[in-house]
Amino acid sequence: MLRNGRSRAVSLLAILGMSLASFSTFADTDIFTALDDPSTAKKSFDGNVQGSYNKQSGNTTSSNLAASTTMTWFQPTNAYSIWGEAANDSSNDVRSDEKYQAGARARHNLDADNFLFGQANWLSDRYNGYRSRSTATAGYGRQLLNGPITHLRVEAGPGVRHDEFENGGRQTKALAYGAMSFSYQLTDSTQFIQGVSLLGNADLTANSETGLSVAINKSFALKVTYDVTYNSAPPEGAPKHTDTKTAISLVYGL
């Protein structure tokens, strides 16, 4: 029991440390949307599709399949994004993980540095205890850095979330939301990405995604990401507080 308590404390401190290292913020999705400032858009549409698949056979049989897409449309002062993700894992022909999510986002620039946003997200993650989780947030954001190499935005506002649990029961609650999204162009072909988000009321959901994207050519890129999700009050069917995921994906730009 003491060891589990220490493990949970270390996990929480690690996530809070990442938040403070970048900015103390609050999104309820482990897909961090594309940087969507319409003032710097070079074209009216930008999007990508990415996927990964691996299979192991022999003494152990396992497979993993994941696919996601993000699409953003730009106007002079507005941007509209939609995204989706599907992933599943199996071991010895038994499904061990299955996750689906989709969302939409709108952003309106008030001026060069300030903007308003609204977004909605739906998640189904039954192996982590959620038959469905629907979240809607809106608020104010600020573009702190917007140069040719470095982008940094922060945003915050109120939200509402409706949970339906795999073991039965449901709840709806108001909550506070905020997020930080950062990118840095290391070289002409390599970009570092960091996103941190928190969403909570009496309980807390924290997400961190750290990634590296390497362009192969004009259409394809290789993306490596490490995601950490912390839930201070997980469902009874999935009692662990922290989940991590490492992914290597091939990304095709639309």
Foldseek 3Di string as FASTA:
>chain_A
DVVLVVVLVVQVVVQCVVCVVFHPKADDDQDDADPWALCPDPDQKWKKKKWDKDWDDDPKTKIKIKIKMKMWGHDNFKIKMKMKMWIWMDIPNHTQWTKIKIKMKMWGDPDPWKIKMKMKMKMDTQLQFFNIKIKIWIFMKTFPDDDPFKTKMKTWGKMKMWTATNVGDIDIDIKIWMKMWMKGHPDPFKMWIWIWHWIDDPKIKIKIKTKMWGDPDPFKIKMWIKMKIATRCTDPSNPDGIDIDIDIMIMTMD
